[in-house]
Amino acid sequence: MLSRMLYKIGRCLIEVYARLMLRLDIQWHASLPEGPVLFAVNHPSSTDPFFVNLLTQQPISVMISAKVFSIPVLGAYMRKMRQIPVVRGQGEHVLGLARQALDEGRSVAIFPEGGISPGRDFHPPRSGVARLALSSGAPVIPVGIYLREDGRSFMPATLEGRQDVVTWYLRGPYVITVGKPMRFSGDANDRTLVRKISETVMCSIRSLVGEGQIRAAQNWA
């Protein structure tokens, strides 16, 4: 009960901020299917794990770099909200946590690039989204986020005792395009199949980002 109440409060605050400070634009190609889904999202800023919660009223377990969980208060809140810390070198364990969330009926959001997108380009996709889709049977919902490159702020931060850089996006157009559900089947240990699915999902994400860029140009030229 407490976790659900905290989630609702947190989501409400995120939505209020997005409506007041961002030029938020969300468009859907199709409605979400029943049951848990796997949101596959590009990652242009460090704020994406927060705003991805606006895609559904139901709680989402977002796969987030474990470094963020070292931030006092925020880290404790994210653990309470069942966010998933992504630890380098512990891929199987992390995917196991995500699979458990899906099996329990909770949707999961994953960033296939595995890190912040390099400028206007994309990192090659990692295998996690394909392996989760195949092992769980959950539909993949590709999501493309477009934001203005000149709106990103690079701020130094200390995470896990080390100097790092956080890529914030706090004002400006934030354009989200949600694609149609994608379903896959096969052996999650088939590397060729996993690679093909990973590229297919990433190709869809790139296309959705392009759609968002066109909308942004039309609405906020």
Foldseek 3Di string as FASTA:
>chain_A
DVLLVLVQVLLVVLVVLCVPFEQEAEAEPDDDDPFAAEEEEAAQFPCVVSVVCVVDPAQEAEEDAQLVLQDPPVVVSSVSSNHQHDDPPPVVVSLVSQLVCRVVRHYYYYHQQPDHADQPHGHQGDLSVLLSLAVNQHWYKYKAKEWDSVQWDWDWDQTPNRIDIGTDRRHYYIYMYIYDTDTDYDDSPPVVSSSVVSVVSVVVRNVRNVVRVVVCVVPPD
